[in-house]
Amino acid sequence: MCFKIVVVGTSLGGLSALQKILGNLPANFPTAIAIVQHRHKESDATLKALLQTYTSLPIQEVEDKDEIIPGRVYLAPPDYHLLVEPGYFALSIDQPVSYARPSIDVLFESAADTYGGSVIGLILTGANQDGTQGLKKIKARGGITIVQEPSTAESPIMPAAAMADLAVDWILQLPEISDLLVNICYSTGN
């Protein structure tokens, strides 16, 4: 199976977790990565700049109708939901979901609806339950689900909530997540 996209959700403690994961991915990583990091609606481009120093993969904040290109990292912009459509992203200012905009659930559910079993969903550290419903949908559509080991998370609430609500495929510490993504994405013909 060829994976179309890796969707990542994180909140409190996410910057450090994302730096470790992205920093351990090779420059020729073959799959697009879309990230929702909960942040203030007035945030600037600091998150992109900080993450870019840890990886050679190109990182961009999504603009409406941006094409999904393998090997790139896409960040949900502040105060917009990020949705996956066939071949491109869409942005929405619909009401917050799980008190968040951007919402991890919105990204994950739209990716599952669009690409079914060709999605890898990843929940990292965070202080609420956003992402659990979306991860369930990815699993139901045949995608792969990964959760950061809660005991290693700066805030274990988000990964623990996902684990309590579904049987995730992998529960891993941060260094293991990058290795798994590389193994899965390269071994499936991407």
C-alpha atoms as a PDB file:
ATOM      1  CA  MET A   1       0.000   0.000   0.000  1.00  0.00           C
ATOM      2  CA  CYS A   2       1.227   3.467  -0.876  1.00  0.00           C
ATOM      3  CA  PHE A   3       0.599   6.075   1.818  1.00  0.00           C
ATOM      4  CA  LYS A   4      -0.661   9.458   0.624  1.00  0.00           C
ATOM      5  CA  ILE A   5      -0.258  11.458   3.818  1.00  0.00           C
ATOM      6  CA  VAL A   6       0.890  11.404   7.436  1.00  0.00           C
ATOM      7  CA  VAL A   7      -1.375  13.551   9.630  1.00  0.00           C
ATOM      8  CA  VAL A   8      -0.033  14.697  12.991  1.00  0.00           C
ATOM      9  CA  GLY A   9      -1.852  16.272  15.915  1.00  0.00           C
ATOM     10  CA  THR A  10      -0.288  17.875  18.960  1.00  0.00           C
ATOM     11  CA  SER A  11      -0.830  20.565  21.544  1.00  0.00           C
ATOM     12  CA  LEU A  12       0.988  21.313  24.804  1.00  0.00           C
ATOM     13  CA  GLY A  13       4.635  20.234  24.413  1.00  0.00           C
ATOM     14  CA  GLY A  14       4.257  19.785  20.686  1.00  0.00           C
ATOM     15  CA  LEU A  15       7.159  21.942  19.546  1.00  0.00           C
ATOM     16  CA  SER A  16       9.749  19.723  21.219  1.00  0.00           C
ATOM     17  CA  ALA A  17       8.039  16.531  20.015  1.00  0.00           C
ATOM     18  CA  LEU A  18       7.798  17.786  16.433  1.00  0.00           C
ATOM     19  CA  GLN A  19      11.449  18.867  16.440  1.00  0.00           C
ATOM     20  CA  LYS A  20      12.538  15.365  17.439  1.00  0.00           C
ATOM     21  CA  ILE A  21      10.357  13.578  14.895  1.00  0.00           C
ATOM     22  CA  LEU A  22      11.035  15.876  11.932  1.00  0.00           C
ATOM     23  CA  GLY A  23      14.719  16.045  12.816  1.00  0.00           C
ATOM     24  CA  ASN A  24      15.016  12.281  12.411  1.00  0.00           C
ATOM     25  CA  LEU A  25      13.337  12.030   9.011  1.00  0.00           C
ATOM     26  CA  PRO A  26      15.566  11.857   5.922  1.00  0.00           C
ATOM     27  CA  ALA A  27      15.651  14.662   3.363  1.00  0.00           C
ATOM     28  CA  ASN A  28      14.051  12.353   0.804  1.00  0.00           C
ATOM     29  CA  PHE A  29      11.128  11.238   3.005  1.00  0.00           C
ATOM     30  CA  PRO A  30       8.544  10.184   0.408  1.00  0.00           C
ATOM     31  CA  THR A  31       5.217  11.158   1.993  1.00  0.00           C
ATOM     32  CA  ALA A  32       3.491  14.471   2.685  1.00  0.00           C
ATOM     33  CA  ILE A  33       3.091  15.362   6.363  1.00  0.00           C
ATOM     34  CA  ALA A  34       0.278  17.630   7.604  1.00  0.00           C
ATOM     35  CA  ILE A  35       0.451  18.967  11.153  1.00  0.00           C
ATOM     36  CA  VAL A  36      -2.067  20.582  13.469  1.00  0.00           C
ATOM     37  CA  GLN A  37      -0.308  22.189  16.418  1.00  0.00           C
ATOM     38  CA  HIS A  38      -2.712  23.999  18.724  1.00  0.00           C
ATOM     39  CA  ARG A  39      -1.553  27.600  19.007  1.00  0.00           C
ATOM     40  CA  HIS A  40      -2.924  31.072  19.588  1.00  0.00           C
ATOM     41  CA  LYS A  41      -4.892  32.592  16.718  1.00  0.00           C
ATOM     42  CA  GLU A  42      -2.481  35.557  16.611  1.00  0.00           C
ATOM     43  CA  SER A  43       0.597  33.328  16.142  1.00  0.00           C
ATOM     44  CA  ASP A  44       3.120  34.316  13.513  1.00  0.00           C
ATOM     45  CA  ALA A  45       5.535  32.239  11.402  1.00  0.00           C
ATOM     46  CA  THR A  46       7.758  31.390  14.391  1.00  0.00           C
ATOM     47  CA  LEU A  47       6.616  27.738  14.516  1.00  0.00           C
ATOM     48  CA  LYS A  48       7.583  27.188  10.875  1.00  0.00           C
ATOM     49  CA  ALA A  49      10.958  28.889  11.355  1.00  0.00           C
ATOM     50  CA  LEU A  50      11.756  26.914  14.514  1.00  0.00           C
ATOM     51  CA  LEU A  51      10.813  23.568  12.987  1.00  0.00           C
ATOM     52  CA  GLN A  52      12.697  24.305   9.752  1.00  0.00           C
ATOM     53  CA  THR A  53      15.968  24.504  11.685  1.00  0.00           C
ATOM     54  CA  TYR A  54      15.565  20.816  12.611  1.00  0.00           C
ATOM     55  CA  THR A  55      14.794  19.309   9.223  1.00  0.00           C
ATOM     56  CA  SER A  56      15.803  19.574   5.589  1.00  0.00           C
ATOM     57  CA  LEU A  57      12.251  18.743   4.515  1.00  0.00           C
ATOM     58  CA  PRO A  58      10.553  21.892   3.216  1.00  0.00           C
ATOM     59  CA  ILE A  59       7.982  23.254   5.676  1.00  0.00           C
ATOM     60  CA  GLN A  60       5.177  25.617   4.764  1.00  0.00           C
ATOM     61  CA  GLU A  61       2.091  27.041   6.381  1.00  0.00           C
ATOM     62  CA  VAL A  62      -0.864  25.984   4.248  1.00  0.00           C
ATOM     63  CA  GLU A  63      -2.758  28.415   2.078  1.00  0.00           C
ATOM     64  CA  ASP A  64      -6.175  27.463   0.721  1.00  0.00           C
ATOM     65  CA  LYS A  65      -5.975  25.097  -2.270  1.00  0.00           C
ATOM     66  CA  ASP A  66      -2.252  24.325  -1.826  1.00  0.00           C
ATOM     67  CA  GLU A  67      -1.327  21.138  -3.650  1.00  0.00           C
ATOM     68  CA  ILE A  68      -0.308  18.165  -1.489  1.00  0.00           C
ATOM     69  CA  ILE A  69       3.250  17.332  -2.561  1.00  0.00           C
ATOM     70  CA  PRO A  70       5.090  14.257  -1.248  1.00  0.00           C
ATOM     71  CA  GLY A  71       8.120  14.995   0.900  1.00  0.00           C
ATOM     72  CA  ARG A  72       6.833  18.300   2.256  1.00  0.00           C
ATOM     73  CA  VAL A  73       5.636  19.291   5.716  1.00  0.00           C
ATOM     74  CA  TYR A  74       2.462  21.359   5.942  1.00  0.00           C
ATOM     75  CA  LEU A  75       1.384  23.324   9.014  1.00  0.00           C
ATOM     76  CA  ALA A  76      -2.202  24.322   9.723  1.00  0.00           C
ATOM     77  CA  PRO A  77      -2.285  28.121   9.945  1.00  0.00           C
ATOM     78  CA  PRO A  78      -3.465  29.698  13.194  1.00  0.00           C
ATOM     79  CA  ASP A  79      -7.256  30.013  13.568  1.00  0.00           C
ATOM     80  CA  TYR A  80      -8.090  27.886  10.483  1.00  0.00           C
ATOM     81  CA  HIS A  81      -9.182  24.270  10.251  1.00  0.00           C
ATOM     82  CA  LEU A  82      -6.999  22.316   7.817  1.00  0.00           C
ATOM     83  CA  LEU A  83      -8.819  19.842   5.576  1.00  0.00           C
ATOM     84  CA  VAL A  84      -7.510  17.283   3.096  1.00  0.00           C
ATOM     85  CA  GLU A  85      -9.181  17.119  -0.306  1.00  0.00           C
ATOM     86  CA  PRO A  86      -8.114  14.888  -3.234  1.00  0.00           C
ATOM     87  CA  GLY A  87      -4.667  16.275  -4.092  1.00  0.00           C
ATOM     88  CA  TYR A  88      -4.886  19.565  -2.187  1.00  0.00           C
ATOM     89  CA  PHE A  89      -5.663  21.255   1.128  1.00  0.00           C
ATOM     90  CA  ALA A  90      -8.620  23.443   2.038  1.00  0.00           C
ATOM     91  CA  LEU A  91      -8.959  25.895   4.913  1.00  0.00           C
ATOM     92  CA  SER A  92     -12.085  26.597   6.940  1.00  0.00           C
ATOM     93  CA  ILE A  93     -13.167  29.075   9.604  1.00  0.00           C
ATOM     94  CA  ASP A  94     -15.997  26.839  10.833  1.00  0.00           C
ATOM     95  CA  GLN A  95     -16.605  26.794  14.578  1.00  0.00           C
ATOM     96  CA  PRO A  96     -13.877  25.326  16.824  1.00  0.00           C
ATOM     97  CA  VAL A  97     -14.008  21.565  17.391  1.00  0.00           C
ATOM     98  CA  SER A  98     -12.928  20.295  20.823  1.00  0.00           C
ATOM     99  CA  TYR A  99     -12.343  23.961  21.676  1.00  0.00           C
ATOM    100  CA  ALA A 100      -9.711  24.224  18.944  1.00  0.00           C
ATOM    101  CA  ARG A 101      -9.292  25.829  15.546  1.00  0.00           C
ATOM    102  CA  PRO A 102      -7.339  24.320  13.937  1.00  0.00           C
ATOM    103  CA  SER A 103      -8.751  21.026  15.130  1.00  0.00           C
ATOM    104  CA  ILE A 104      -6.861  17.755  14.918  1.00  0.00           C
ATOM    105  CA  ASP A 105     -10.161  15.877  14.489  1.00  0.00           C
ATOM    106  CA  VAL A 106     -11.066  17.965  11.418  1.00  0.00           C
ATOM    107  CA  LEU A 107      -7.708  17.243   9.746  1.00  0.00           C
ATOM    108  CA  PHE A 108      -7.762  13.537  10.595  1.00  0.00           C
ATOM    109  CA  GLU A 109     -11.391  12.964   9.585  1.00  0.00           C
ATOM    110  CA  SER A 110     -10.986  14.763   6.260  1.00  0.00           C
ATOM    111  CA  ALA A 111      -7.805  12.794   5.499  1.00  0.00           C
ATOM    112  CA  ALA A 112      -9.593   9.513   6.279  1.00  0.00           C
ATOM    113  CA  ASP A 113     -12.571  10.526   4.117  1.00  0.00           C
ATOM    114  CA  THR A 114     -10.286  11.467   1.230  1.00  0.00           C
ATOM    115  CA  TYR A 115      -7.585   8.780   1.309  1.00  0.00           C
ATOM    116  CA  GLY A 116      -9.043   5.952   3.424  1.00  0.00           C
ATOM    117  CA  GLY A 117      -6.430   3.324   4.225  1.00  0.00           C
ATOM    118  CA  SER A 118      -3.618   5.411   2.711  1.00  0.00           C
ATOM    119  CA  VAL A 119      -3.399   7.628   5.823  1.00  0.00           C
ATOM    120  CA  ILE A 120      -1.079   7.401   8.811  1.00  0.00           C
ATOM    121  CA  GLY A 121      -2.456   9.228  11.869  1.00  0.00           C
ATOM    122  CA  LEU A 122      -0.181  10.300  14.722  1.00  0.00           C
ATOM    123  CA  ILE A 123      -1.205  11.780  18.102  1.00  0.00           C
ATOM    124  CA  LEU A 124       1.520  13.405  20.183  1.00  0.00           C
ATOM    125  CA  THR A 125       1.627  15.244  23.502  1.00  0.00           C
ATOM    126  CA  GLY A 126      -1.338  17.462  24.360  1.00  0.00           C
ATOM    127  CA  ALA A 127      -3.661  18.626  27.103  1.00  0.00           C
ATOM    128  CA  ASN A 128      -7.096  17.838  25.682  1.00  0.00           C
ATOM    129  CA  GLN A 129      -8.890  15.086  23.771  1.00  0.00           C
ATOM    130  CA  ASP A 130      -8.769  16.607  20.270  1.00  0.00           C
ATOM    131  CA  GLY A 131      -7.752  13.979  17.730  1.00  0.00           C
ATOM    132  CA  THR A 132      -9.372  10.937  19.298  1.00  0.00           C
ATOM    133  CA  GLN A 133     -12.417  10.930  16.997  1.00  0.00           C
ATOM    134  CA  GLY A 134     -10.288  11.580  13.941  1.00  0.00           C
ATOM    135  CA  LEU A 135      -7.874   8.790  14.835  1.00  0.00           C
ATOM    136  CA  LYS A 136     -10.852   6.433  15.234  1.00  0.00           C
ATOM    137  CA  LYS A 137     -11.984   7.342  11.720  1.00  0.00           C
ATOM    138  CA  ILE A 138      -8.504   6.726  10.279  1.00  0.00           C
ATOM    139  CA  LYS A 139      -8.474   3.304  11.947  1.00  0.00           C
ATOM    140  CA  ALA A 140     -12.008   2.509  10.718  1.00  0.00           C
ATOM    141  CA  ARG A 141     -10.991   3.361   7.142  1.00  0.00           C
ATOM    142  CA  GLY A 142      -7.979   1.039   7.281  1.00  0.00           C
ATOM    143  CA  GLY A 143      -5.241   3.587   7.976  1.00  0.00           C
ATOM    144  CA  ILE A 144      -2.406   3.210  10.478  1.00  0.00           C
ATOM    145  CA  THR A 145      -2.713   4.798  13.929  1.00  0.00           C
ATOM    146  CA  ILE A 146       0.240   5.795  16.102  1.00  0.00           C
ATOM    147  CA  VAL A 147       0.250   7.401  19.556  1.00  0.00           C
ATOM    148  CA  GLN A 148       3.146   8.789  21.567  1.00  0.00           C
ATOM    149  CA  GLU A 149       3.725   6.729  24.713  1.00  0.00           C
ATOM    150  CA  PRO A 150       1.854   8.896  27.277  1.00  0.00           C
ATOM    151  CA  SER A 151       4.506   8.455  29.971  1.00  0.00           C
ATOM    152  CA  THR A 152       7.016  10.170  27.666  1.00  0.00           C
ATOM    153  CA  ALA A 153       4.715  13.053  26.687  1.00  0.00           C
ATOM    154  CA  GLU A 154       5.047  16.499  28.227  1.00  0.00           C
ATOM    155  CA  SER A 155       1.260  16.344  28.573  1.00  0.00           C
ATOM    156  CA  PRO A 156      -0.106  12.768  28.469  1.00  0.00           C
ATOM    157  CA  ILE A 157      -3.816  13.650  28.241  1.00  0.00           C
ATOM    158  CA  MET A 158      -4.154  13.618  24.440  1.00  0.00           C
ATOM    159  CA  PRO A 159      -2.327  10.351  23.718  1.00  0.00           C
ATOM    160  CA  ALA A 160      -3.942   8.659  26.732  1.00  0.00           C
ATOM    161  CA  ALA A 161      -7.413   9.728  25.550  1.00  0.00           C
ATOM    162  CA  ALA A 162      -6.783   8.226  22.117  1.00  0.00           C
ATOM    163  CA  MET A 163      -5.562   4.967  23.642  1.00  0.00           C
ATOM    164  CA  ALA A 164      -8.591   4.782  25.941  1.00  0.00           C
ATOM    165  CA  ASP A 165     -10.980   5.122  23.008  1.00  0.00           C
ATOM    166  CA  LEU A 166      -9.465   2.792  20.403  1.00  0.00           C
ATOM    167  CA  ALA A 167      -6.938   0.036  19.908  1.00  0.00           C
ATOM    168  CA  VAL A 168      -4.133   1.984  18.247  1.00  0.00           C
ATOM    169  CA  ASP A 169      -1.652   0.157  16.042  1.00  0.00           C
ATOM    170  CA  TRP A 170       1.514   1.548  17.656  1.00  0.00           C
ATOM    171  CA  ILE A 171       2.345   3.187  21.010  1.00  0.00           C
ATOM    172  CA  LEU A 172       5.893   4.532  20.747  1.00  0.00           C
ATOM    173  CA  GLN A 173       8.426   6.887  22.247  1.00  0.00           C
ATOM    174  CA  LEU A 174       9.453   9.847  20.070  1.00  0.00           C
ATOM    175  CA  PRO A 175      12.695   8.385  18.636  1.00  0.00           C
ATOM    176  CA  GLU A 176      10.841   5.237  17.579  1.00  0.00           C
ATOM    177  CA  ILE A 177       8.137   7.180  15.724  1.00  0.00           C
ATOM    178  CA  SER A 178      10.494   8.549  13.065  1.00  0.00           C
ATOM    179  CA  ASP A 179      11.989   5.100  12.483  1.00  0.00           C
ATOM    180  CA  LEU A 180       8.555   3.550  12.075  1.00  0.00           C
ATOM    181  CA  LEU A 181       7.434   6.256   9.625  1.00  0.00           C
ATOM    182  CA  VAL A 182      10.555   5.709   7.535  1.00  0.00           C
ATOM    183  CA  ASN A 183      10.079   1.931   7.541  1.00  0.00           C
ATOM    184  CA  ILE A 184       6.395   2.105   6.657  1.00  0.00           C
ATOM    185  CA  CYS A 185       6.630   4.803   3.997  1.00  0.00           C
ATOM    186  CA  TYR A 186       9.673   3.374   2.213  1.00  0.00           C
ATOM    187  CA  SER A 187       8.544  -0.248   2.354  1.00  0.00           C
ATOM    188  CA  THR A 188       5.159   0.453   0.777  1.00  0.00           C
ATOM    189  CA  GLY A 189       6.366   1.760  -2.546  1.00  0.00           C
ATOM    190  CA  ASN A 190       5.988   5.502  -1.968  1.00  0.00           C
END
